[in-house]
Amino acid sequence: MVSPMDECWKVTVNRDTCVGSGVCIGTAPRYFRLDDNRSRPIAENVDPDEDVLAAADTCPTESIIVRDAAGNQLAPPEEILPPLNTMG
């Protein structure tokens, strides 16, 4: 069995929502850089590293998405909506 820590992660940054705060660079400088005042991953595919998850979790605009090899979103946590009230 392969654990999530044994596989490659895909890192993307939504440059339309990124405000260029630089929090990701301060948190995970080996993985992010600023390009035209917006964050960009240095590499799209990375080895699992808690610093990458921390950068995504602390991004003020949640512009950094980290997915595992199966495409499951690891960070930031996906919003879980409460069930709709169908009783009236």
C-alpha atoms as a PDB file:
ATOM      1  CA  MET A   1       0.000   0.000   0.000  1.00  0.00           C
ATOM      2  CA  VAL A   2       1.309   3.450  -0.937  1.00  0.00           C
ATOM      3  CA  SER A   3       0.813   6.165   1.636  1.00  0.00           C
ATOM      4  CA  PRO A   4       0.177   9.781   0.575  1.00  0.00           C
ATOM      5  CA  MET A   5       3.628  10.682   1.878  1.00  0.00           C
ATOM      6  CA  ASP A   6       5.266   8.251  -0.607  1.00  0.00           C
ATOM      7  CA  GLU A   7       3.858   9.801  -3.760  1.00  0.00           C
ATOM      8  CA  CYS A   8       4.287  12.967  -5.758  1.00  0.00           C
ATOM      9  CA  TRP A   9       2.071  15.990  -5.073  1.00  0.00           C
ATOM     10  CA  LYS A  10       0.825  18.502  -7.638  1.00  0.00           C
ATOM     11  CA  VAL A  11       1.014  22.162  -6.596  1.00  0.00           C
ATOM     12  CA  THR A  12      -0.910  24.893  -8.403  1.00  0.00           C
ATOM     13  CA  VAL A  13      -1.418  28.583  -7.702  1.00  0.00           C
ATOM     14  CA  ASN A  14      -4.461  30.487  -8.887  1.00  0.00           C
ATOM     15  CA  ARG A  15      -2.716  33.618 -10.097  1.00  0.00           C
ATOM     16  CA  ASP A  16      -6.064  35.399 -10.545  1.00  0.00           C
ATOM     17  CA  THR A  17      -6.751  35.279  -6.797  1.00  0.00           C
ATOM     18  CA  CYS A  18      -3.157  35.496  -5.522  1.00  0.00           C
ATOM     19  CA  VAL A  19      -2.365  38.890  -3.995  1.00  0.00           C
ATOM     20  CA  GLY A  20       1.387  38.352  -3.808  1.00  0.00           C
ATOM     21  CA  SER A  21       1.598  38.522  -0.022  1.00  0.00           C
ATOM     22  CA  GLY A  22       4.689  36.294  -0.036  1.00  0.00           C
ATOM     23  CA  VAL A  23       3.476  34.178   2.890  1.00  0.00           C
ATOM     24  CA  CYS A  24       4.125  31.044   0.802  1.00  0.00           C
ATOM     25  CA  ILE A  25       7.707  32.090   0.136  1.00  0.00           C
ATOM     26  CA  GLY A  26       8.280  32.731   3.811  1.00  0.00           C
ATOM     27  CA  THR A  27       6.753  29.360   4.695  1.00  0.00           C
ATOM     28  CA  ALA A  28       8.153  27.200   1.875  1.00  0.00           C
ATOM     29  CA  PRO A  29      10.889  29.109   0.010  1.00  0.00           C
ATOM     30  CA  ARG A  30      12.136  25.951  -1.740  1.00  0.00           C
ATOM     31  CA  TYR A  31       8.761  25.578  -3.472  1.00  0.00           C
ATOM     32  CA  PHE A  32       7.469  29.058  -4.344  1.00  0.00           C
ATOM     33  CA  ARG A  33       8.694  32.276  -5.952  1.00  0.00           C
ATOM     34  CA  LEU A  34       7.128  35.591  -6.900  1.00  0.00           C
ATOM     35  CA  ASP A  35       6.735  36.272 -10.601  1.00  0.00           C
ATOM     36  CA  ASP A  36       5.070  39.558 -11.639  1.00  0.00           C
ATOM     37  CA  ASN A  37       4.026  40.091  -8.002  1.00  0.00           C
ATOM     38  CA  ARG A  38       2.170  36.773  -7.892  1.00  0.00           C
ATOM     39  CA  SER A  39       3.182  33.418  -6.457  1.00  0.00           C
ATOM     40  CA  ARG A  40       4.261  30.601  -8.719  1.00  0.00           C
ATOM     41  CA  PRO A  41       5.355  27.093  -7.770  1.00  0.00           C
ATOM     42  CA  ILE A  42       8.999  26.450  -8.627  1.00  0.00           C
ATOM     43  CA  ALA A  43       7.936  22.962  -9.762  1.00  0.00           C
ATOM     44  CA  GLU A  44       4.411  21.701 -10.406  1.00  0.00           C
ATOM     45  CA  ASN A  45       5.165  18.208  -9.077  1.00  0.00           C
ATOM     46  CA  VAL A  46       6.912  17.945  -5.723  1.00  0.00           C
ATOM     47  CA  ASP A  47       7.824  15.319  -3.188  1.00  0.00           C
ATOM     48  CA  PRO A  48       5.520  15.413  -0.162  1.00  0.00           C
ATOM     49  CA  ASP A  49       6.611  18.053   2.332  1.00  0.00           C
ATOM     50  CA  GLU A  50       4.736  19.523   5.287  1.00  0.00           C
ATOM     51  CA  ASP A  51       6.053  22.980   4.312  1.00  0.00           C
ATOM     52  CA  VAL A  52       4.001  22.829   1.080  1.00  0.00           C
ATOM     53  CA  LEU A  53       0.841  22.020   3.037  1.00  0.00           C
ATOM     54  CA  ALA A  54       1.613  24.809   5.508  1.00  0.00           C
ATOM     55  CA  ALA A  55       2.031  27.302   2.647  1.00  0.00           C
ATOM     56  CA  ALA A  56      -1.351  26.322   1.206  1.00  0.00           C
ATOM     57  CA  ASP A  57      -3.028  26.418   4.613  1.00  0.00           C
ATOM     58  CA  THR A  58      -1.645  29.881   5.443  1.00  0.00           C
ATOM     59  CA  CYS A  59      -2.248  31.503   2.045  1.00  0.00           C
ATOM     60  CA  PRO A  60      -4.544  34.457   2.831  1.00  0.00           C
ATOM     61  CA  THR A  61      -6.534  33.964  -0.384  1.00  0.00           C
ATOM     62  CA  GLU A  62      -6.393  30.128  -0.501  1.00  0.00           C
ATOM     63  CA  SER A  63      -4.798  30.430  -3.939  1.00  0.00           C
ATOM     64  CA  ILE A  64      -2.448  27.458  -3.449  1.00  0.00           C
ATOM     65  CA  ILE A  65      -3.918  24.020  -4.095  1.00  0.00           C
ATOM     66  CA  VAL A  66      -2.031  20.821  -3.244  1.00  0.00           C
ATOM     67  CA  ARG A  67      -3.298  17.523  -4.654  1.00  0.00           C
ATOM     68  CA  ASP A  68      -2.050  13.975  -4.247  1.00  0.00           C
ATOM     69  CA  ALA A  69      -1.281  11.667  -7.180  1.00  0.00           C
ATOM     70  CA  ALA A  70      -4.920  10.533  -7.291  1.00  0.00           C
ATOM     71  CA  GLY A  71      -6.130  14.137  -7.580  1.00  0.00           C
ATOM     72  CA  ASN A  72      -7.468  14.416  -4.029  1.00  0.00           C
ATOM     73  CA  GLN A  73      -7.113  17.897  -2.580  1.00  0.00           C
ATOM     74  CA  LEU A  74      -4.781  17.845   0.428  1.00  0.00           C
ATOM     75  CA  ALA A  75      -4.686  21.578   1.134  1.00  0.00           C
ATOM     76  CA  PRO A  76      -6.308  23.858   1.813  1.00  0.00           C
ATOM     77  CA  PRO A  77      -9.125  21.809   3.306  1.00  0.00           C
ATOM     78  CA  GLU A  78     -12.106  21.704   0.991  1.00  0.00           C
ATOM     79  CA  GLU A  79     -15.106  23.511   2.398  1.00  0.00           C
ATOM     80  CA  ILE A  80     -17.726  21.106   3.656  1.00  0.00           C
ATOM     81  CA  LEU A  81     -21.172  22.587   3.268  1.00  0.00           C
ATOM     82  CA  PRO A  82     -23.965  21.640   5.653  1.00  0.00           C
ATOM     83  CA  PRO A  83     -26.823  19.618   4.136  1.00  0.00           C
ATOM     84  CA  LEU A  84     -29.641  21.623   2.638  1.00  0.00           C
ATOM     85  CA  ASN A  85     -32.751  21.832   4.761  1.00  0.00           C
ATOM     86  CA  THR A  86     -35.291  19.987   2.638  1.00  0.00           C
ATOM     87  CA  MET A  87     -37.952  19.920   5.343  1.00  0.00           C
ATOM     88  CA  GLY A  88     -39.313  23.268   4.542  1.00  0.00           C
END
